[in-house]
Amino acid sequence: MNINLIKRIGIAAAYKGGEVLKENFDKIPKIKKKGSIDLVTESDTESEKLIIETIKKVFPSHTILAEESGLENGDAECLWIIDPLDGTTNFAHHLPIFAVSIAFALNGDIVAGIVLNPVTGELFTATKGEGANLNGIPIHVSKTQKLTDSLLVTGIPYNFKEIIDDIQTRFFNCLKASQGVRRLGSAALDLCYTAAGRFEGFFEQDLKPWDTAAGLIIAKEAGGSVTDFSGNSFDIYKPEILATNGKIHDEMIKLLELKG
């Protein structure tokens, strides 16, 4: 498998989808609700359509897993994992913190990731074993040693009302132990910003594979540590993700593990 070709097509697809988002960003979106606060816009579906078309022109037999259209079965070894608009609520409110997220997995192992913010022009990329980049320049996680000197980022799942006690406990544990906790509204960018050293750590629960797949490899290739809240190996189908610069990871686990 030519991973460089995979990466080039993934980047091309991200820019195609990103063009739709950028063109429609200042317009009043037509919004549908998948849940009480889980939104989808026409831009989500238009972006996804162009992304899939771009990929399928070159790799017609590959399997596609996309947020809006679901699973399209194909070659079981080759899987594209697509979020055409990560941060839909931000987009709908004209807040420029959102991204196109595209990952490629070979035999279940994520080997390439692309995350593009079409408004800022920031393109985060990574391929397995070759490091992570921002607009072609290598990036690395923060060298901050202590949690007390760290800035963290988190997200709130759509079903937060059902698990509000756990969320509050974890949030305030981290807030009290760090310099601060931000909530930006795009897990893909949260992972990339951790990879770039802007945050020392990111934690969230109840995400979907398309939320974390691309950011996962970008964070790991930038030198980050990625596990679940208990320190176990993370994969994109797990309900918890903790990504850090590695130096504060053990401290973060202690804050996130809830005692029964």
C-alpha atoms as a PDB file:
ATOM      1  CA  MET A   1       0.000   0.000   0.000  1.00  0.00           C
ATOM      2  CA  ASN A   2       1.329   3.416  -1.039  1.00  0.00           C
ATOM      3  CA  ILE A   3       0.769   5.447   2.122  1.00  0.00           C
ATOM      4  CA  ASN A   4       2.110   8.643   0.522  1.00  0.00           C
ATOM      5  CA  LEU A   5      -0.586   8.355  -2.143  1.00  0.00           C
ATOM      6  CA  ILE A   6      -3.167   7.714   0.563  1.00  0.00           C
ATOM      7  CA  LYS A   7      -2.030  10.869   2.344  1.00  0.00           C
ATOM      8  CA  ARG A   8      -2.096  12.986  -0.820  1.00  0.00           C
ATOM      9  CA  ILE A   9      -5.619  11.876  -1.701  1.00  0.00           C
ATOM     10  CA  GLY A  10      -6.742  12.402   1.884  1.00  0.00           C
ATOM     11  CA  ILE A  11      -5.388  15.950   1.834  1.00  0.00           C
ATOM     12  CA  ALA A  12      -7.050  16.645  -1.518  1.00  0.00           C
ATOM     13  CA  ALA A  13     -10.350  15.317  -0.150  1.00  0.00           C
ATOM     14  CA  ALA A  14     -10.020  17.442   2.990  1.00  0.00           C
ATOM     15  CA  TYR A  15      -9.541  20.584   0.921  1.00  0.00           C
ATOM     16  CA  LYS A  16     -12.561  19.694  -1.250  1.00  0.00           C
ATOM     17  CA  GLY A  17     -14.721  19.316   1.826  1.00  0.00           C
ATOM     18  CA  GLY A  18     -13.162  22.362   3.413  1.00  0.00           C
ATOM     19  CA  GLU A  19     -14.074  24.520   0.426  1.00  0.00           C
ATOM     20  CA  VAL A  20     -17.744  23.786   1.061  1.00  0.00           C
ATOM     21  CA  LEU A  21     -17.414  24.732   4.713  1.00  0.00           C
ATOM     22  CA  LYS A  22     -15.507  27.917   3.983  1.00  0.00           C
ATOM     23  CA  GLU A  23     -17.979  29.023   1.302  1.00  0.00           C
ATOM     24  CA  ASN A  24     -20.960  28.477   3.598  1.00  0.00           C
ATOM     25  CA  PHE A  25     -19.421  29.644   6.859  1.00  0.00           C
ATOM     26  CA  ASP A  26     -20.918  33.142   6.824  1.00  0.00           C
ATOM     27  CA  LYS A  27     -24.307  32.021   5.525  1.00  0.00           C
ATOM     28  CA  ILE A  28     -27.317  31.152   7.649  1.00  0.00           C
ATOM     29  CA  PRO A  29     -27.214  27.338   7.776  1.00  0.00           C
ATOM     30  CA  LYS A  30     -30.157  25.000   7.323  1.00  0.00           C
ATOM     31  CA  ILE A  31     -30.006  22.941  10.490  1.00  0.00           C
ATOM     32  CA  LYS A  32     -31.473  19.562  11.341  1.00  0.00           C
ATOM     33  CA  LYS A  33     -31.252  17.856  14.703  1.00  0.00           C
ATOM     34  CA  LYS A  34     -29.996  14.297  15.204  1.00  0.00           C
ATOM     35  CA  GLY A  35     -30.590  14.834  18.926  1.00  0.00           C
ATOM     36  CA  SER A  36     -31.645  17.677  21.194  1.00  0.00           C
ATOM     37  CA  ILE A  37     -28.213  19.360  20.816  1.00  0.00           C
ATOM     38  CA  ASP A  38     -26.644  17.174  18.097  1.00  0.00           C
ATOM     39  CA  LEU A  39     -26.835  19.219  14.900  1.00  0.00           C
ATOM     40  CA  VAL A  40     -26.291  18.509  11.216  1.00  0.00           C
ATOM     41  CA  THR A  41     -26.240  21.100   8.438  1.00  0.00           C
ATOM     42  CA  GLU A  42     -26.354  20.910   4.651  1.00  0.00           C
ATOM     43  CA  SER A  43     -22.645  21.720   4.739  1.00  0.00           C
ATOM     44  CA  ASP A  44     -21.967  18.496   6.669  1.00  0.00           C
ATOM     45  CA  THR A  45     -23.582  16.403   3.960  1.00  0.00           C
ATOM     46  CA  GLU A  46     -22.177  18.398   1.016  1.00  0.00           C
ATOM     47  CA  SER A  47     -18.665  18.245   2.450  1.00  0.00           C
ATOM     48  CA  GLU A  48     -18.953  14.504   3.063  1.00  0.00           C
ATOM     49  CA  LYS A  49     -20.223  13.869  -0.470  1.00  0.00           C
ATOM     50  CA  LEU A  50     -17.233  15.629  -2.035  1.00  0.00           C
ATOM     51  CA  ILE A  51     -14.758  13.927   0.294  1.00  0.00           C
ATOM     52  CA  ILE A  52     -16.081  10.475  -0.555  1.00  0.00           C
ATOM     53  CA  GLU A  53     -16.197  11.226  -4.285  1.00  0.00           C
ATOM     54  CA  THR A  54     -12.566  12.378  -4.219  1.00  0.00           C
ATOM     55  CA  ILE A  55     -11.441   9.224  -2.430  1.00  0.00           C
ATOM     56  CA  LYS A  56     -13.561   6.860  -4.529  1.00  0.00           C
ATOM     57  CA  LYS A  57     -12.139   8.209  -7.797  1.00  0.00           C
ATOM     58  CA  VAL A  58      -8.754   6.796  -6.835  1.00  0.00           C
ATOM     59  CA  PHE A  59      -9.750   3.971  -4.465  1.00  0.00           C
ATOM     60  CA  PRO A  60     -13.170   2.734  -5.605  1.00  0.00           C
ATOM     61  CA  SER A  61     -12.976  -0.529  -3.652  1.00  0.00           C
ATOM     62  CA  HIS A  62     -12.052   0.908  -0.237  1.00  0.00           C
ATOM     63  CA  THR A  63     -14.435   0.838   2.716  1.00  0.00           C
ATOM     64  CA  ILE A  64     -15.798   4.169   3.947  1.00  0.00           C
ATOM     65  CA  LEU A  65     -16.998   4.982   7.470  1.00  0.00           C
ATOM     66  CA  ALA A  66     -18.421   8.506   7.506  1.00  0.00           C
ATOM     67  CA  GLU A  67     -20.401  10.350  10.156  1.00  0.00           C
ATOM     68  CA  GLU A  68     -23.427  11.260   8.074  1.00  0.00           C
ATOM     69  CA  SER A  69     -23.713   8.355   5.614  1.00  0.00           C
ATOM     70  CA  GLY A  70     -22.448   5.576   7.849  1.00  0.00           C
ATOM     71  CA  LEU A  71     -20.579   2.481   6.691  1.00  0.00           C
ATOM     72  CA  GLU A  72     -20.091   1.673   3.009  1.00  0.00           C
ATOM     73  CA  ASN A  73     -18.536  -1.777   2.818  1.00  0.00           C
ATOM     74  CA  GLY A  74     -15.654  -2.517   0.479  1.00  0.00           C
ATOM     75  CA  ASP A  75     -12.133  -3.873   0.806  1.00  0.00           C
ATOM     76  CA  ALA A  76     -11.983  -5.019   4.449  1.00  0.00           C
ATOM     77  CA  GLU A  77      -8.273  -4.166   4.715  1.00  0.00           C
ATOM     78  CA  CYS A  78      -8.656  -0.500   3.698  1.00  0.00           C
ATOM     79  CA  LEU A  79     -10.879   1.821   5.731  1.00  0.00           C
ATOM     80  CA  TRP A  80     -11.337   5.587   5.454  1.00  0.00           C
ATOM     81  CA  ILE A  81     -12.832   7.237   8.560  1.00  0.00           C
ATOM     82  CA  ILE A  82     -14.386  10.610   7.798  1.00  0.00           C
ATOM     83  CA  ASP A  83     -15.873  13.483   9.760  1.00  0.00           C
ATOM     84  CA  PRO A  84     -16.825  16.114   7.162  1.00  0.00           C
ATOM     85  CA  LEU A  85     -17.438  18.770   9.813  1.00  0.00           C
ATOM     86  CA  ASP A  86     -16.155  18.219  13.332  1.00  0.00           C
ATOM     87  CA  GLY A  87     -17.577  21.092  15.336  1.00  0.00           C
ATOM     88  CA  THR A  88     -20.963  21.506  13.673  1.00  0.00           C
ATOM     89  CA  THR A  89     -22.411  23.537  16.538  1.00  0.00           C
ATOM     90  CA  ASN A  90     -19.512  26.008  16.282  1.00  0.00           C
ATOM     91  CA  PHE A  91     -20.012  26.192  12.509  1.00  0.00           C
ATOM     92  CA  ALA A  92     -23.745  26.805  12.902  1.00  0.00           C
ATOM     93  CA  HIS A  93     -22.983  29.713  15.245  1.00  0.00           C
ATOM     94  CA  HIS A  94     -20.273  31.154  12.953  1.00  0.00           C
ATOM     95  CA  LEU A  95     -17.495  30.274  15.384  1.00  0.00           C
ATOM     96  CA  PRO A  96     -14.385  29.345  13.333  1.00  0.00           C
ATOM     97  CA  ILE A  97     -13.338  26.361  15.451  1.00  0.00           C
ATOM     98  CA  PHE A  98     -14.189  23.325  13.336  1.00  0.00           C
ATOM     99  CA  ALA A  99     -12.437  20.961  10.992  1.00  0.00           C
ATOM    100  CA  VAL A 100     -12.538  18.277   8.342  1.00  0.00           C
ATOM    101  CA  SER A 101     -11.102  15.059   9.775  1.00  0.00           C
ATOM    102  CA  ILE A 102      -9.973  12.129   7.610  1.00  0.00           C
ATOM    103  CA  ALA A 103      -8.085   9.011   8.692  1.00  0.00           C
ATOM    104  CA  PHE A 104      -7.019   5.856   6.891  1.00  0.00           C
ATOM    105  CA  ALA A 105      -6.685   2.463   8.577  1.00  0.00           C
ATOM    106  CA  LEU A 106      -4.895  -0.532   7.077  1.00  0.00           C
ATOM    107  CA  ASN A 107      -5.946  -3.849   8.581  1.00  0.00           C
ATOM    108  CA  GLY A 108      -7.378  -1.996  11.554  1.00  0.00           C
ATOM    109  CA  ASP A 109      -4.260   0.084  12.199  1.00  0.00           C
ATOM    110  CA  ILE A 110      -4.544   3.839  11.595  1.00  0.00           C
ATOM    111  CA  VAL A 111      -1.608   4.806   9.393  1.00  0.00           C
ATOM    112  CA  ALA A 112      -2.567   8.288   8.164  1.00  0.00           C
ATOM    113  CA  GLY A 113      -4.481  11.251   9.516  1.00  0.00           C
ATOM    114  CA  ILE A 114      -5.493  14.642   8.120  1.00  0.00           C
ATOM    115  CA  VAL A 115      -7.260  17.448  10.006  1.00  0.00           C
ATOM    116  CA  LEU A 116      -7.983  20.748   8.250  1.00  0.00           C
ATOM    117  CA  ASN A 117      -9.472  23.942   9.643  1.00  0.00           C
ATOM    118  CA  PRO A 118     -10.571  25.617   6.398  1.00  0.00           C
ATOM    119  CA  VAL A 119     -10.992  29.047   8.013  1.00  0.00           C
ATOM    120  CA  THR A 120      -7.536  29.348   9.589  1.00  0.00           C
ATOM    121  CA  GLY A 121      -5.835  27.281   6.887  1.00  0.00           C
ATOM    122  CA  GLU A 122      -4.170  25.033   9.451  1.00  0.00           C
ATOM    123  CA  LEU A 123      -3.544  21.567   8.027  1.00  0.00           C
ATOM    124  CA  PHE A 124      -2.420  18.907  10.504  1.00  0.00           C
ATOM    125  CA  THR A 125      -1.117  15.658   9.011  1.00  0.00           C
ATOM    126  CA  ALA A 126       0.629  12.481  10.097  1.00  0.00           C
ATOM    127  CA  THR A 127       1.627   9.112   8.691  1.00  0.00           C
ATOM    128  CA  LYS A 128       2.718   6.233  10.868  1.00  0.00           C
ATOM    129  CA  GLY A 129       6.412   6.326  11.728  1.00  0.00           C
ATOM    130  CA  GLU A 130       7.031   9.656   9.978  1.00  0.00           C
ATOM    131  CA  GLY A 131       6.000  12.217  12.586  1.00  0.00           C
ATOM    132  CA  ALA A 132       3.300  14.886  12.569  1.00  0.00           C
ATOM    133  CA  ASN A 133       3.197  18.201  10.745  1.00  0.00           C
ATOM    134  CA  LEU A 134       1.341  21.507  10.700  1.00  0.00           C
ATOM    135  CA  ASN A 135       1.334  22.996   7.209  1.00  0.00           C
ATOM    136  CA  GLY A 136       4.375  20.869   6.406  1.00  0.00           C
ATOM    137  CA  ILE A 137       6.387  21.853   9.494  1.00  0.00           C
ATOM    138  CA  PRO A 138       7.056  19.180  12.161  1.00  0.00           C
ATOM    139  CA  ILE A 139       5.156  19.555  15.425  1.00  0.00           C
ATOM    140  CA  HIS A 140       5.777  18.062  18.851  1.00  0.00           C
ATOM    141  CA  VAL A 141       3.913  17.868  22.124  1.00  0.00           C
ATOM    142  CA  SER A 142       4.658  20.279  24.953  1.00  0.00           C
ATOM    143  CA  LYS A 143       7.692  19.737  27.174  1.00  0.00           C
ATOM    144  CA  THR A 144       5.843  20.974  30.260  1.00  0.00           C
ATOM    145  CA  GLN A 145       6.675  18.662  33.146  1.00  0.00           C
ATOM    146  CA  LYS A 146       4.020  19.454  35.741  1.00  0.00           C
ATOM    147  CA  LEU A 147       0.241  19.346  35.698  1.00  0.00           C
ATOM    148  CA  THR A 148       0.155  22.554  37.742  1.00  0.00           C
ATOM    149  CA  ASP A 149       1.797  24.321  34.785  1.00  0.00           C
ATOM    150  CA  SER A 150      -0.465  22.695  32.192  1.00  0.00           C
ATOM    151  CA  LEU A 151      -3.388  23.954  30.136  1.00  0.00           C
ATOM    152  CA  LEU A 152      -5.980  21.263  29.414  1.00  0.00           C
ATOM    153  CA  VAL A 153      -8.891  20.906  27.014  1.00  0.00           C
ATOM    154  CA  THR A 154     -12.014  18.778  27.167  1.00  0.00           C
ATOM    155  CA  GLY A 155     -15.364  18.226  25.517  1.00  0.00           C
ATOM    156  CA  ILE A 156     -18.885  17.583  26.760  1.00  0.00           C
ATOM    157  CA  PRO A 157     -20.753  14.620  25.225  1.00  0.00           C
ATOM    158  CA  TYR A 158     -24.254  15.042  23.829  1.00  0.00           C
ATOM    159  CA  ASN A 159     -25.683  12.763  26.533  1.00  0.00           C
ATOM    160  CA  PHE A 160     -24.115  14.831  29.311  1.00  0.00           C
ATOM    161  CA  LYS A 161     -27.343  15.031  31.320  1.00  0.00           C
ATOM    162  CA  GLU A 162     -27.219  11.272  31.868  1.00  0.00           C
ATOM    163  CA  ILE A 163     -23.671  11.330  33.260  1.00  0.00           C
ATOM    164  CA  ILE A 164     -23.425  14.854  34.608  1.00  0.00           C
ATOM    165  CA  ASP A 165     -22.019  13.814  38.013  1.00  0.00           C
ATOM    166  CA  ASP A 166     -19.067  11.974  36.446  1.00  0.00           C
ATOM    167  CA  ILE A 167     -18.389  14.848  34.047  1.00  0.00           C
ATOM    168  CA  GLN A 168     -18.459  17.440  36.817  1.00  0.00           C
ATOM    169  CA  THR A 169     -16.171  15.413  39.054  1.00  0.00           C
ATOM    170  CA  ARG A 170     -13.575  14.905  36.324  1.00  0.00           C
ATOM    171  CA  PHE A 171     -13.786  18.507  35.131  1.00  0.00           C
ATOM    172  CA  PHE A 172     -13.310  20.040  38.570  1.00  0.00           C
ATOM    173  CA  ASN A 173     -10.553  17.569  39.463  1.00  0.00           C
ATOM    174  CA  CYS A 174      -8.626  18.725  36.400  1.00  0.00           C
ATOM    175  CA  LEU A 175      -9.502  22.391  36.839  1.00  0.00           C
ATOM    176  CA  LYS A 176      -8.197  22.448  40.408  1.00  0.00           C
ATOM    177  CA  ALA A 177      -4.962  20.661  39.467  1.00  0.00           C
ATOM    178  CA  SER A 178      -4.028  22.644  36.318  1.00  0.00           C
ATOM    179  CA  GLN A 179      -3.671  26.197  35.014  1.00  0.00           C
ATOM    180  CA  GLY A 180      -7.063  25.879  33.351  1.00  0.00           C
ATOM    181  CA  VAL A 181      -9.430  23.745  31.274  1.00  0.00           C
ATOM    182  CA  ARG A 182     -10.802  24.917  27.932  1.00  0.00           C
ATOM    183  CA  ARG A 183     -13.750  23.580  25.942  1.00  0.00           C
ATOM    184  CA  LEU A 184     -13.467  24.345  22.194  1.00  0.00           C
ATOM    185  CA  GLY A 185     -16.083  22.057  20.640  1.00  0.00           C
ATOM    186  CA  SER A 186     -13.972  20.026  18.185  1.00  0.00           C
ATOM    187  CA  ALA A 187     -12.287  16.843  19.392  1.00  0.00           C
ATOM    188  CA  ALA A 188     -10.205  16.599  16.209  1.00  0.00           C
ATOM    189  CA  LEU A 189      -8.718  20.039  16.817  1.00  0.00           C
ATOM    190  CA  ASP A 190      -8.315  19.352  20.541  1.00  0.00           C
ATOM    191  CA  LEU A 191      -6.100  16.387  19.668  1.00  0.00           C
ATOM    192  CA  CYS A 192      -4.160  18.388  17.086  1.00  0.00           C
ATOM    193  CA  TYR A 193      -3.648  21.314  19.442  1.00  0.00           C
ATOM    194  CA  THR A 194      -2.310  18.859  22.032  1.00  0.00           C
ATOM    195  CA  ALA A 195      -0.003  17.453  19.349  1.00  0.00           C
ATOM    196  CA  ALA A 196       1.232  20.976  18.605  1.00  0.00           C
ATOM    197  CA  GLY A 197       1.959  21.756  22.266  1.00  0.00           C
ATOM    198  CA  ARG A 198      -0.840  24.289  22.688  1.00  0.00           C
ATOM    199  CA  PHE A 199      -2.436  22.056  25.317  1.00  0.00           C
ATOM    200  CA  GLU A 200      -0.700  19.575  27.590  1.00  0.00           C
ATOM    201  CA  GLY A 201      -3.706  17.266  27.755  1.00  0.00           C
ATOM    202  CA  PHE A 202      -7.128  16.441  26.298  1.00  0.00           C
ATOM    203  CA  PHE A 203      -9.827  14.233  27.775  1.00  0.00           C
ATOM    204  CA  GLU A 204     -13.348  13.369  26.680  1.00  0.00           C
ATOM    205  CA  GLN A 205     -15.810  10.510  26.753  1.00  0.00           C
ATOM    206  CA  ASP A 206     -18.494   9.052  24.464  1.00  0.00           C
ATOM    207  CA  LEU A 207     -16.872  10.134  21.212  1.00  0.00           C
ATOM    208  CA  LYS A 208     -17.275   8.332  17.886  1.00  0.00           C
ATOM    209  CA  PRO A 209     -14.509   6.821  15.700  1.00  0.00           C
ATOM    210  CA  TRP A 210     -14.633   9.716  13.216  1.00  0.00           C
ATOM    211  CA  ASP A 211     -14.080  12.203  16.057  1.00  0.00           C
ATOM    212  CA  THR A 212     -10.744  10.735  17.123  1.00  0.00           C
ATOM    213  CA  ALA A 213      -9.261   8.632  14.292  1.00  0.00           C
ATOM    214  CA  ALA A 214      -7.203  11.307  12.516  1.00  0.00           C
ATOM    215  CA  GLY A 215      -6.294  13.243  15.657  1.00  0.00           C
ATOM    216  CA  LEU A 216      -5.161  10.043  17.342  1.00  0.00           C
ATOM    217  CA  ILE A 217      -2.301   9.346  14.936  1.00  0.00           C
ATOM    218  CA  ILE A 218      -1.379  13.031  14.764  1.00  0.00           C
ATOM    219  CA  ALA A 219      -1.078  13.204  18.567  1.00  0.00           C
ATOM    220  CA  LYS A 220       0.894   9.953  18.783  1.00  0.00           C
ATOM    221  CA  GLU A 221       3.255  10.875  15.945  1.00  0.00           C
ATOM    222  CA  ALA A 222       3.911  14.210  17.679  1.00  0.00           C
ATOM    223  CA  GLY A 223       5.153  12.293  20.709  1.00  0.00           C
ATOM    224  CA  GLY A 224       1.963  12.195  22.735  1.00  0.00           C
ATOM    225  CA  SER A 225       0.571   9.452  24.936  1.00  0.00           C
ATOM    226  CA  VAL A 226      -2.992   8.291  24.224  1.00  0.00           C
ATOM    227  CA  THR A 227      -4.958   5.893  26.440  1.00  0.00           C
ATOM    228  CA  ASP A 228      -8.364   5.524  28.031  1.00  0.00           C
ATOM    229  CA  PHE A 229      -9.015   7.095  31.452  1.00  0.00           C
ATOM    230  CA  SER A 230      -7.523   4.071  33.200  1.00  0.00           C
ATOM    231  CA  GLY A 231      -4.279   4.078  31.224  1.00  0.00           C
ATOM    232  CA  ASN A 232      -5.231   1.173  28.992  1.00  0.00           C
ATOM    233  CA  SER A 233      -4.485   1.140  25.278  1.00  0.00           C
ATOM    234  CA  PHE A 234      -6.873   3.346  23.295  1.00  0.00           C
ATOM    235  CA  ASP A 235      -8.628   2.528  20.065  1.00  0.00           C
ATOM    236  CA  ILE A 236     -11.205   4.599  18.225  1.00  0.00           C
ATOM    237  CA  TYR A 237     -14.101   2.409  19.338  1.00  0.00           C
ATOM    238  CA  LYS A 238     -13.456   2.989  23.054  1.00  0.00           C
ATOM    239  CA  PRO A 239     -15.702   5.420  24.966  1.00  0.00           C
ATOM    240  CA  GLU A 240     -12.894   7.317  26.750  1.00  0.00           C
ATOM    241  CA  ILE A 241      -9.817   9.125  25.451  1.00  0.00           C
ATOM    242  CA  LEU A 242      -6.954  10.770  27.298  1.00  0.00           C
ATOM    243  CA  ALA A 243      -4.194  12.360  25.194  1.00  0.00           C
ATOM    244  CA  THR A 244      -1.283  14.175  26.819  1.00  0.00           C
ATOM    245  CA  ASN A 245       2.321  15.171  26.303  1.00  0.00           C
ATOM    246  CA  GLY A 246       3.212  12.021  28.235  1.00  0.00           C
ATOM    247  CA  LYS A 247       4.789  13.886  31.114  1.00  0.00           C
ATOM    248  CA  ILE A 248       1.500  14.553  32.937  1.00  0.00           C
ATOM    249  CA  HIS A 249      -0.261  11.368  31.857  1.00  0.00           C
ATOM    250  CA  ASP A 250      -0.100   9.463  35.136  1.00  0.00           C
ATOM    251  CA  GLU A 251      -1.316  12.495  37.073  1.00  0.00           C
ATOM    252  CA  MET A 252      -4.241  12.884  34.666  1.00  0.00           C
ATOM    253  CA  ILE A 253      -5.256   9.241  35.061  1.00  0.00           C
ATOM    254  CA  LYS A 254      -5.501   9.707  38.826  1.00  0.00           C
ATOM    255  CA  LEU A 255      -7.834  12.674  38.299  1.00  0.00           C
ATOM    256  CA  LEU A 256     -10.056  10.902  35.753  1.00  0.00           C
ATOM    257  CA  GLU A 257     -10.442   7.497  37.398  1.00  0.00           C
ATOM    258  CA  LEU A 258     -13.596   7.663  39.507  1.00  0.00           C
ATOM    259  CA  LYS A 259     -13.582   5.767  42.745  1.00  0.00           C
ATOM    260  CA  GLY A 260     -16.564   3.490  43.231  1.00  0.00           C
END
